[in-house]
Amino acid sequence: LPDLGAAVPFYGNQPAPTEAVKVKAPLLVHFAEVDERIN
């Protein structure tokens, strides 16, 4: 969504790095420390 105003993922799987160029919205990303599967 190129017109998305803001995105806040809590401990969510990330896209493939090649997808990063499509991100237009500002991101606020929250991680748990003990969460190797996601981190």
PDB file of all heavy atoms in Angstrom:
ATOM      1  N   LEU A   1       0.837  -1.202   0.000  1.00  0.00           N
ATOM      2  CA  LEU A   1       0.000   0.000   0.000  1.00  0.00           C
ATOM      3  C   LEU A   1       0.870   1.249   0.000  1.00  0.00           C
ATOM      4  O   LEU A   1       1.356   1.688   1.048  1.00  0.00           O
ATOM      5  CB  LEU A   1      -0.915   0.011   1.226  1.00  0.00           C
ATOM      6  CG  LEU A   1      -1.816  -1.211   1.422  1.00  0.00           C
ATOM      7  CD1 LEU A   1      -2.568  -1.096   2.737  1.00  0.00           C
ATOM      8  CD2 LEU A   1      -2.786  -1.357   0.255  1.00  0.00           C
ATOM      9  N   PRO A   2       1.085   1.859  -1.150  1.00  0.00           N
ATOM     10  CA  PRO A   2       1.947   3.041  -1.196  1.00  0.00           C
ATOM     11  C   PRO A   2       1.374   4.243  -0.456  1.00  0.00           C
ATOM     12  O   PRO A   2       2.117   5.172  -0.110  1.00  0.00           O
ATOM     13  CB  PRO A   2       2.073   3.326  -2.704  1.00  0.00           C
ATOM     14  CG  PRO A   2       0.909   2.641  -3.331  1.00  0.00           C
ATOM     15  CD  PRO A   2       0.626   1.442  -2.493  1.00  0.00           C
ATOM     16  N   ASP A   3       0.047   4.240  -0.180  1.00  0.00           N
ATOM     17  CA  ASP A   3      -0.560   5.367   0.525  1.00  0.00           C
ATOM     18  C   ASP A   3      -0.793   5.079   2.002  1.00  0.00           C
ATOM     19  O   ASP A   3      -1.474   5.845   2.690  1.00  0.00           O
ATOM     20  CB  ASP A   3      -1.884   5.754  -0.137  1.00  0.00           C
ATOM     21  CG  ASP A   3      -2.883   4.604  -0.192  1.00  0.00           C
ATOM     22  OD1 ASP A   3      -2.481   3.460   0.076  1.00  0.00           O
ATOM     23  OD2 ASP A   3      -4.064   4.858  -0.519  1.00  0.00           O
ATOM     24  N   LEU A   4      -0.238   3.997   2.525  1.00  0.00           N
ATOM     25  CA  LEU A   4      -0.368   3.696   3.944  1.00  0.00           C
ATOM     26  C   LEU A   4       0.337   4.769   4.757  1.00  0.00           C
ATOM     27  O   LEU A   4       1.463   5.158   4.460  1.00  0.00           O
ATOM     28  CB  LEU A   4       0.251   2.324   4.236  1.00  0.00           C
ATOM     29  CG  LEU A   4       0.096   1.775   5.652  1.00  0.00           C
ATOM     30  CD1 LEU A   4      -1.369   1.489   5.972  1.00  0.00           C
ATOM     31  CD2 LEU A   4       0.933   0.503   5.817  1.00  0.00           C
ATOM     32  N   GLY A   5      -0.339   5.245   5.815  1.00  0.00           N
ATOM     33  CA  GLY A   5       0.216   6.354   6.581  1.00  0.00           C
ATOM     34  C   GLY A   5       1.224   5.953   7.634  1.00  0.00           C
ATOM     35  O   GLY A   5       2.121   6.740   7.976  1.00  0.00           O
ATOM     36  N   ALA A   6       1.099   4.747   8.179  1.00  0.00           N
ATOM     37  CA  ALA A   6       2.002   4.294   9.238  1.00  0.00           C
ATOM     38  C   ALA A   6       1.762   2.813   9.481  1.00  0.00           C
ATOM     39  O   ALA A   6       0.630   2.345   9.382  1.00  0.00           O
ATOM     40  CB  ALA A   6       1.761   5.077  10.530  1.00  0.00           C
ATOM     41  N   ALA A   7       2.819   2.092   9.831  1.00  0.00           N
ATOM     42  CA  ALA A   7       2.696   0.660  10.117  1.00  0.00           C
ATOM     43  C   ALA A   7       3.462   0.323  11.388  1.00  0.00           C
ATOM     44  O   ALA A   7       4.612   0.746  11.557  1.00  0.00           O
ATOM     45  CB  ALA A   7       3.216  -0.179   8.949  1.00  0.00           C
ATOM     46  N   VAL A   8       2.805  -0.453  12.254  1.00  0.00           N
ATOM     47  CA  VAL A   8       3.412  -0.833  13.543  1.00  0.00           C
ATOM     48  C   VAL A   8       3.314  -2.345  13.722  1.00  0.00           C
ATOM     49  O   VAL A   8       2.288  -2.857  14.192  1.00  0.00           O
ATOM     50  CB  VAL A   8       2.737  -0.117  14.725  1.00  0.00           C
ATOM     51  CG1 VAL A   8       3.456  -0.468  16.031  1.00  0.00           C
ATOM     52  CG2 VAL A   8       2.726   1.390  14.518  1.00  0.00           C
ATOM     53  N   PRO A   9       4.340  -3.081  13.344  1.00  0.00           N
ATOM     54  CA  PRO A   9       4.354  -4.533  13.588  1.00  0.00           C
ATOM     55  C   PRO A   9       4.905  -4.845  14.983  1.00  0.00           C
ATOM     56  O   PRO A   9       5.987  -4.372  15.341  1.00  0.00           O
ATOM     57  CB  PRO A   9       5.296  -5.068  12.502  1.00  0.00           C
ATOM     58  CG  PRO A   9       5.673  -3.884  11.647  1.00  0.00           C
ATOM     59  CD  PRO A   9       5.448  -2.676  12.472  1.00  0.00           C
ATOM     60  N   PHE A  10       4.152  -5.627  15.747  1.00  0.00           N
ATOM     61  CA  PHE A  10       4.643  -6.174  16.997  1.00  0.00           C
ATOM     62  C   PHE A  10       5.116  -7.596  16.725  1.00  0.00           C
ATOM     63  O   PHE A  10       4.340  -8.454  16.328  1.00  0.00           O
ATOM     64  CB  PHE A  10       3.526  -6.223  18.039  1.00  0.00           C
ATOM     65  CG  PHE A  10       3.293  -4.953  18.809  1.00  0.00           C
ATOM     66  CD1 PHE A  10       2.631  -3.888  18.222  1.00  0.00           C
ATOM     67  CD2 PHE A  10       3.714  -4.834  20.126  1.00  0.00           C
ATOM     68  CE1 PHE A  10       2.380  -2.722  18.935  1.00  0.00           C
ATOM     69  CE2 PHE A  10       3.479  -3.679  20.848  1.00  0.00           C
ATOM     70  CZ  PHE A  10       2.818  -2.612  20.255  1.00  0.00           C
ATOM     71  N   TYR A  11       6.422  -7.844  16.920  1.00  0.00           N
ATOM     72  CA  TYR A  11       7.040  -9.164  16.793  1.00  0.00           C
ATOM     73  C   TYR A  11       6.442  -9.988  15.657  1.00  0.00           C
ATOM     74  O   TYR A  11       5.966 -11.104  15.862  1.00  0.00           O
ATOM     75  CB  TYR A  11       7.005  -9.931  18.119  1.00  0.00           C
ATOM     76  CG  TYR A  11       5.805  -9.652  19.016  1.00  0.00           C
ATOM     77  CD1 TYR A  11       4.569 -10.237  18.773  1.00  0.00           C
ATOM     78  CD2 TYR A  11       5.921  -8.785  20.096  1.00  0.00           C
ATOM     79  CE1 TYR A  11       3.481  -9.977  19.586  1.00  0.00           C
ATOM     80  CE2 TYR A  11       4.832  -8.521  20.920  1.00  0.00           C
ATOM     81  CZ  TYR A  11       3.621  -9.120  20.661  1.00  0.00           C
ATOM     82  OH  TYR A  11       2.529  -8.854  21.466  1.00  0.00           O
ATOM     83  N   GLY A  12       6.499  -9.411  14.447  1.00  0.00           N
ATOM     84  CA  GLY A  12       5.969 -10.092  13.268  1.00  0.00           C
ATOM     85  C   GLY A  12       7.057 -10.477  12.291  1.00  0.00           C
ATOM     86  O   GLY A  12       8.119  -9.833  12.217  1.00  0.00           O
ATOM     87  N   ASN A  13       6.809 -11.524  11.524  1.00  0.00           N
ATOM     88  CA  ASN A  13       7.755 -11.929  10.482  1.00  0.00           C
ATOM     89  C   ASN A  13       7.923 -10.824   9.450  1.00  0.00           C
ATOM     90  O   ASN A  13       6.949 -10.194   9.028  1.00  0.00           O
ATOM     91  CB  ASN A  13       7.266 -13.200   9.788  1.00  0.00           C
ATOM     92  CG  ASN A  13       7.489 -14.434  10.622  1.00  0.00           C
ATOM     93  OD1 ASN A  13       8.550 -14.612  11.202  1.00  0.00           O
ATOM     94  ND2 ASN A  13       6.484 -15.296  10.693  1.00  0.00           N
ATOM     95  N   GLN A  14       9.156 -10.605   9.036  1.00  0.00           N
ATOM     96  CA  GLN A  14       9.440  -9.568   8.046  1.00  0.00           C
ATOM     97  C   GLN A  14       9.374 -10.127   6.627  1.00  0.00           C
ATOM     98  O   GLN A  14       9.601 -11.320   6.415  1.00  0.00           O
ATOM     99  CB  GLN A  14      10.817  -8.973   8.299  1.00  0.00           C
ATOM    100  CG  GLN A  14      11.001  -8.386   9.685  1.00  0.00           C
ATOM    101  CD  GLN A  14      11.749  -9.317  10.622  1.00  0.00           C
ATOM    102  OE1 GLN A  14      12.848  -9.776  10.300  1.00  0.00           O
ATOM    103  NE2 GLN A  14      11.191  -9.606  11.784  1.00  0.00           N
ATOM    104  N   PRO A  15       9.087  -9.261   5.660  1.00  0.00           N
ATOM    105  CA  PRO A  15       9.122  -9.703   4.262  1.00  0.00           C
ATOM    106  C   PRO A  15      10.547 -10.034   3.830  1.00  0.00           C
ATOM    107  O   PRO A  15      11.513  -9.791   4.559  1.00  0.00           O
ATOM    108  CB  PRO A  15       8.595  -8.472   3.498  1.00  0.00           C
ATOM    109  CG  PRO A  15       7.915  -7.617   4.522  1.00  0.00           C
ATOM    110  CD  PRO A  15       8.651  -7.867   5.800  1.00  0.00           C
ATOM    111  N   ALA A  16      10.666 -10.549   2.622  1.00  0.00           N
ATOM    112  CA  ALA A  16      11.999 -10.754   2.043  1.00  0.00           C
ATOM    113  C   ALA A  16      12.674  -9.396   1.873  1.00  0.00           C
ATOM    114  O   ALA A  16      12.014  -8.392   1.572  1.00  0.00           O
ATOM    115  CB  ALA A  16      11.884 -11.449   0.694  1.00  0.00           C
ATOM    116  N   PRO A  17      13.981  -9.319   2.067  1.00  0.00           N
ATOM    117  CA  PRO A  17      14.673  -8.038   1.930  1.00  0.00           C
ATOM    118  C   PRO A  17      14.427  -7.339   0.590  1.00  0.00           C
ATOM    119  O   PRO A  17      14.435  -6.104   0.527  1.00  0.00           O
ATOM    120  CB  PRO A  17      16.146  -8.415   2.101  1.00  0.00           C
ATOM    121  CG  PRO A  17      16.111  -9.612   2.996  1.00  0.00           C
ATOM    122  CD  PRO A  17      14.884 -10.380   2.565  1.00  0.00           C
ATOM    123  N   THR A  18      14.174  -8.105  -0.458  1.00  0.00           N
ATOM    124  CA  THR A  18      13.925  -7.489  -1.758  1.00  0.00           C
ATOM    125  C   THR A  18      12.638  -6.663  -1.778  1.00  0.00           C
ATOM    126  O   THR A  18      12.452  -5.819  -2.669  1.00  0.00           O
ATOM    127  CB  THR A  18      13.837  -8.569  -2.852  1.00  0.00           C
ATOM    128  OG1 THR A  18      12.878  -9.566  -2.455  1.00  0.00           O
ATOM    129  CG2 THR A  18      15.194  -9.228  -3.069  1.00  0.00           C
ATOM    130  N   GLU A  19      11.742  -6.892  -0.806  1.00  0.00           N
ATOM    131  CA  GLU A  19      10.482  -6.150  -0.735  1.00  0.00           C
ATOM    132  C   GLU A  19      10.638  -4.779  -0.100  1.00  0.00           C
ATOM    133  O   GLU A  19       9.736  -3.943  -0.202  1.00  0.00           O
ATOM    134  CB  GLU A  19       9.450  -6.963   0.060  1.00  0.00           C
ATOM    135  CG  GLU A  19       9.032  -8.269  -0.596  1.00  0.00           C
ATOM    136  CD  GLU A  19       8.212  -8.018  -1.840  1.00  0.00           C
ATOM    137  OE1 GLU A  19       7.053  -7.582  -1.709  1.00  0.00           O
ATOM    138  OE2 GLU A  19       8.742  -8.248  -2.940  1.00  0.00           O
ATOM    139  N   ALA A  20      11.747  -4.528   0.558  1.00  0.00           N
ATOM    140  CA  ALA A  20      11.909  -3.287   1.329  1.00  0.00           C
ATOM    141  C   ALA A  20      11.792  -2.038   0.457  1.00  0.00           C
ATOM    142  O   ALA A  20      11.321  -0.990   0.922  1.00  0.00           O
ATOM    143  CB  ALA A  20      13.240  -3.305   2.056  1.00  0.00           C
ATOM    144  N   VAL A  21      12.178  -2.123  -0.789  1.00  0.00           N
ATOM    145  CA  VAL A  21      12.126  -0.945  -1.663  1.00  0.00           C
ATOM    146  C   VAL A  21      10.694  -0.483  -1.922  1.00  0.00           C
ATOM    147  O   VAL A  21      10.471   0.655  -2.346  1.00  0.00           O
ATOM    148  CB  VAL A  21      12.816  -1.223  -3.015  1.00  0.00           C
ATOM    149  CG1 VAL A  21      14.305  -1.454  -2.810  1.00  0.00           C
ATOM    150  CG2 VAL A  21      12.174  -2.400  -3.733  1.00  0.00           C
ATOM    151  N   LYS A  22       9.718  -1.331  -1.643  1.00  0.00           N
ATOM    152  CA  LYS A  22       8.313  -0.979  -1.864  1.00  0.00           C
ATOM    153  C   LYS A  22       7.698  -0.232  -0.687  1.00  0.00           C
ATOM    154  O   LYS A  22       6.581   0.282  -0.803  1.00  0.00           O
ATOM    155  CB  LYS A  22       7.496  -2.235  -2.135  1.00  0.00           C
ATOM    156  CG  LYS A  22       7.963  -3.052  -3.334  1.00  0.00           C
ATOM    157  CD  LYS A  22       7.166  -4.341  -3.472  1.00  0.00           C
ATOM    158  CE  LYS A  22       7.665  -5.204  -4.601  1.00  0.00           C
ATOM    159  NZ  LYS A  22       6.930  -6.495  -4.684  1.00  0.00           N
ATOM    160  N   VAL A  23       8.397  -0.174   0.433  1.00  0.00           N
ATOM    161  CA  VAL A  23       7.835   0.422   1.642  1.00  0.00           C
ATOM    162  C   VAL A  23       7.904   1.943   1.558  1.00  0.00           C
ATOM    163  O   VAL A  23       8.983   2.518   1.427  1.00  0.00           O
ATOM    164  CB  VAL A  23       8.585  -0.063   2.901  1.00  0.00           C
ATOM    165  CG1 VAL A  23       8.012   0.601   4.153  1.00  0.00           C
ATOM    166  CG2 VAL A  23       8.508  -1.576   3.014  1.00  0.00           C
ATOM    167  N   LYS A  24       6.747   2.589   1.619  1.00  0.00           N
ATOM    168  CA  LYS A  24       6.667   4.045   1.591  1.00  0.00           C
ATOM    169  C   LYS A  24       6.225   4.619   2.940  1.00  0.00           C
ATOM    170  O   LYS A  24       6.467   5.787   3.227  1.00  0.00           O
ATOM    171  CB  LYS A  24       5.697   4.509   0.503  1.00  0.00           C
ATOM    172  CG  LYS A  24       6.010   3.956  -0.886  1.00  0.00           C
ATOM    173  CD  LYS A  24       7.421   4.284  -1.334  1.00  0.00           C
ATOM    174  CE  LYS A  24       7.748   3.671  -2.699  1.00  0.00           C
ATOM    175  NZ  LYS A  24       9.175   3.853  -3.064  1.00  0.00           N
ATOM    176  N   ALA A  25       5.554   3.796   3.742  1.00  0.00           N
ATOM    177  CA  ALA A  25       5.061   4.251   5.039  1.00  0.00           C
ATOM    178  C   ALA A  25       6.178   4.235   6.078  1.00  0.00           C
ATOM    179  O   ALA A  25       7.069   3.382   6.027  1.00  0.00           O
ATOM    180  CB  ALA A  25       3.922   3.348   5.517  1.00  0.00           C
ATOM    181  N   PRO A  26       6.131   5.144   7.044  1.00  0.00           N
ATOM    182  CA  PRO A  26       7.054   5.033   8.181  1.00  0.00           C
ATOM    183  C   PRO A  26       6.705   3.806   9.019  1.00  0.00           C
ATOM    184  O   PRO A  26       5.527   3.457   9.165  1.00  0.00           O
ATOM    185  CB  PRO A  26       6.827   6.326   8.955  1.00  0.00           C
ATOM    186  CG  PRO A  26       5.455   6.780   8.566  1.00  0.00           C
ATOM    187  CD  PRO A  26       5.256   6.325   7.153  1.00  0.00           C
ATOM    188  N   LEU A  27       7.727   3.149   9.554  1.00  0.00           N
ATOM    189  CA  LEU A  27       7.548   1.931  10.339  1.00  0.00           C
ATOM    190  C   LEU A  27       7.986   2.157  11.785  1.00  0.00           C
ATOM    191  O   LEU A  27       8.996   2.816  12.042  1.00  0.00           O
ATOM    192  CB  LEU A  27       8.387   0.791   9.772  1.00  0.00           C
ATOM    193  CG  LEU A  27       8.183   0.364   8.323  1.00  0.00           C
ATOM    194  CD1 LEU A  27       9.183  -0.741   7.963  1.00  0.00           C
ATOM    195  CD2 LEU A  27       6.767  -0.114   8.103  1.00  0.00           C
ATOM    196  N   LEU A  28       7.229   1.579  12.696  1.00  0.00           N
ATOM    197  CA  LEU A  28       7.628   1.465  14.091  1.00  0.00           C
ATOM    198  C   LEU A  28       7.569  -0.022  14.426  1.00  0.00           C
ATOM    199  O   LEU A  28       6.489  -0.621  14.410  1.00  0.00           O
ATOM    200  CB  LEU A  28       6.686   2.254  15.001  1.00  0.00           C
ATOM    201  CG  LEU A  28       6.903   2.102  16.508  1.00  0.00           C
ATOM    202  CD1 LEU A  28       8.289   2.608  16.915  1.00  0.00           C
ATOM    203  CD2 LEU A  28       5.817   2.853  17.277  1.00  0.00           C
ATOM    204  N   VAL A  29       8.731  -0.622  14.686  1.00  0.00           N
ATOM    205  CA  VAL A  29       8.822  -2.081  14.793  1.00  0.00           C
ATOM    206  C   VAL A  29       9.184  -2.455  16.227  1.00  0.00           C
ATOM    207  O   VAL A  29      10.191  -1.988  16.767  1.00  0.00           O
ATOM    208  CB  VAL A  29       9.880  -2.634  13.816  1.00  0.00           C
ATOM    209  CG1 VAL A  29       9.810  -4.154  13.767  1.00  0.00           C
ATOM    210  CG2 VAL A  29       9.681  -2.048  12.420  1.00  0.00           C
ATOM    211  N   HIS A  30       8.347  -3.309  16.839  1.00  0.00           N
ATOM    212  CA  HIS A  30       8.562  -3.748  18.212  1.00  0.00           C
ATOM    213  C   HIS A  30       9.000  -5.216  18.230  1.00  0.00           C
ATOM    214  O   HIS A  30       8.365  -6.060  17.587  1.00  0.00           O
ATOM    215  CB  HIS A  30       7.273  -3.614  19.027  1.00  0.00           C
ATOM    216  CG  HIS A  30       6.737  -2.223  19.123  1.00  0.00           C
ATOM    217  ND1 HIS A  30       7.460  -1.190  19.690  1.00  0.00           N
ATOM    218  CD2 HIS A  30       5.535  -1.684  18.749  1.00  0.00           C
ATOM    219  CE1 HIS A  30       6.725  -0.079  19.654  1.00  0.00           C
ATOM    220  NE2 HIS A  30       5.564  -0.363  19.084  1.00  0.00           N
ATOM    221  N   PHE A  31      10.048  -5.502  18.999  1.00  0.00           N
ATOM    222  CA  PHE A  31      10.561  -6.862  19.144  1.00  0.00           C
ATOM    223  C   PHE A  31      10.626  -7.257  20.615  1.00  0.00           C
ATOM    224  O   PHE A  31      10.918  -6.427  21.476  1.00  0.00           O
ATOM    225  CB  PHE A  31      11.983  -6.977  18.581  1.00  0.00           C
ATOM    226  CG  PHE A  31      12.090  -6.819  17.102  1.00  0.00           C
ATOM    227  CD1 PHE A  31      12.496  -5.617  16.545  1.00  0.00           C
ATOM    228  CD2 PHE A  31      11.804  -7.879  16.254  1.00  0.00           C
ATOM    229  CE1 PHE A  31      12.615  -5.471  15.176  1.00  0.00           C
ATOM    230  CE2 PHE A  31      11.924  -7.748  14.879  1.00  0.00           C
ATOM    231  CZ  PHE A  31      12.325  -6.538  14.327  1.00  0.00           C
ATOM    232  N   ALA A  32      10.381  -8.523  20.892  1.00  0.00           N
ATOM    233  CA  ALA A  32      10.727  -9.099  22.182  1.00  0.00           C
ATOM    234  C   ALA A  32      12.190  -9.529  22.133  1.00  0.00           C
ATOM    235  O   ALA A  32      12.696  -9.928  21.087  1.00  0.00           O
ATOM    236  CB  ALA A  32       9.835 -10.299  22.483  1.00  0.00           C
ATOM    237  N   GLU A  33      12.855  -9.469  23.266  1.00  0.00           N
ATOM    238  CA  GLU A  33      14.265  -9.871  23.276  1.00  0.00           C
ATOM    239  C   GLU A  33      14.414 -11.387  23.144  1.00  0.00           C
ATOM    240  O   GLU A  33      15.285 -11.872  22.410  1.00  0.00           O
ATOM    241  CB  GLU A  33      14.944  -9.397  24.561  1.00  0.00           C
ATOM    242  CG  GLU A  33      16.420  -9.740  24.593  1.00  0.00           C
ATOM    243  CD  GLU A  33      17.125  -9.218  25.824  1.00  0.00           C
ATOM    244  OE1 GLU A  33      16.635  -9.450  26.956  1.00  0.00           O
ATOM    245  OE2 GLU A  33      18.176  -8.577  25.667  1.00  0.00           O
ATOM    246  N   VAL A  34      13.556 -12.134  23.835  1.00  0.00           N
ATOM    247  CA  VAL A  34      13.670 -13.596  23.822  1.00  0.00           C
ATOM    248  C   VAL A  34      12.716 -14.133  22.757  1.00  0.00           C
ATOM    249  O   VAL A  34      11.621 -14.608  23.048  1.00  0.00           O
ATOM    250  CB  VAL A  34      13.341 -14.184  25.206  1.00  0.00           C
ATOM    251  CG1 VAL A  34      13.654 -15.686  25.231  1.00  0.00           C
ATOM    252  CG2 VAL A  34      14.108 -13.462  26.306  1.00  0.00           C
ATOM    253  N   ASP A  35      13.129 -14.021  21.501  1.00  0.00           N
ATOM    254  CA  ASP A  35      12.238 -14.359  20.386  1.00  0.00           C
ATOM    255  C   ASP A  35      13.063 -14.627  19.135  1.00  0.00           C
ATOM    256  O   ASP A  35      12.908 -13.946  18.109  1.00  0.00           O
ATOM    257  CB  ASP A  35      11.249 -13.206  20.159  1.00  0.00           C
ATOM    258  CG  ASP A  35      10.077 -13.588  19.271  1.00  0.00           C
ATOM    259  OD1 ASP A  35       9.937 -14.780  18.920  1.00  0.00           O
ATOM    260  OD2 ASP A  35       9.282 -12.688  18.919  1.00  0.00           O
ATOM    261  N   GLU A  36      13.918 -15.619  19.202  1.00  0.00           N
ATOM    262  CA  GLU A  36      14.843 -15.883  18.105  1.00  0.00           C
ATOM    263  C   GLU A  36      14.116 -16.200  16.802  1.00  0.00           C
ATOM    264  O   GLU A  36      14.578 -15.845  15.712  1.00  0.00           O
ATOM    265  CB  GLU A  36      15.780 -17.038  18.482  1.00  0.00           C
ATOM    266  CG  GLU A  36      16.811 -17.393  17.415  1.00  0.00           C
ATOM    267  CD  GLU A  36      17.789 -16.265  17.106  1.00  0.00           C
ATOM    268  OE1 GLU A  36      17.911 -15.333  17.932  1.00  0.00           O
ATOM    269  OE2 GLU A  36      18.417 -16.323  16.033  1.00  0.00           O
ATOM    270  N   ARG A  37      12.975 -16.849  16.913  1.00  0.00           N
ATOM    271  CA  ARG A  37      12.210 -17.223  15.712  1.00  0.00           C
ATOM    272  C   ARG A  37      11.890 -16.000  14.850  1.00  0.00           C
ATOM    273  O   ARG A  37      11.939 -16.059  13.622  1.00  0.00           O
ATOM    274  CB  ARG A  37      10.918 -17.928  16.130  1.00  0.00           C
ATOM    275  CG  ARG A  37      10.028 -18.392  14.998  1.00  0.00           C
ATOM    276  CD  ARG A  37       8.834 -19.158  15.549  1.00  0.00           C
ATOM    277  NE  ARG A  37       8.073 -18.356  16.500  1.00  0.00           N
ATOM    278  CZ  ARG A  37       7.149 -17.456  16.151  1.00  0.00           C
ATOM    279  NH1 ARG A  37       6.876 -17.257  14.885  1.00  0.00           N
ATOM    280  NH2 ARG A  37       6.496 -16.762  17.061  1.00  0.00           N
ATOM    281  N   ILE A  38      11.570 -14.882  15.477  1.00  0.00           N
ATOM    282  CA  ILE A  38      11.236 -13.654  14.754  1.00  0.00           C
ATOM    283  C   ILE A  38      12.474 -12.802  14.503  1.00  0.00           C
ATOM    284  O   ILE A  38      12.649 -12.217  13.425  1.00  0.00           O
ATOM    285  CB  ILE A  38      10.190 -12.840  15.537  1.00  0.00           C
ATOM    286  CG1 ILE A  38       8.854 -13.596  15.584  1.00  0.00           C
ATOM    287  CG2 ILE A  38       9.998 -11.449  14.927  1.00  0.00           C
ATOM    288  CD1 ILE A  38       8.198 -13.809  14.242  1.00  0.00           C
ATOM    289  N   ASN A  39      13.349 -12.727  15.486  1.00  0.00           N
ATOM    290  CA  ASN A  39      14.447 -11.763  15.435  1.00  0.00           C
ATOM    291  C   ASN A  39      15.545 -12.134  14.446  1.00  0.00           C
ATOM    292  O   ASN A  39      16.288 -11.266  13.981  1.00  0.00           O
ATOM    293  CB  ASN A  39      15.062 -11.605  16.824  1.00  0.00           C
ATOM    294  CG  ASN A  39      14.079 -11.046  17.839  1.00  0.00           C
ATOM    295  OD1 ASN A  39      13.000 -10.576  17.475  1.00  0.00           O
ATOM    296  ND2 ASN A  39      14.442 -11.091  19.107  1.00  0.00           N
TER     297      ASN A  39
END
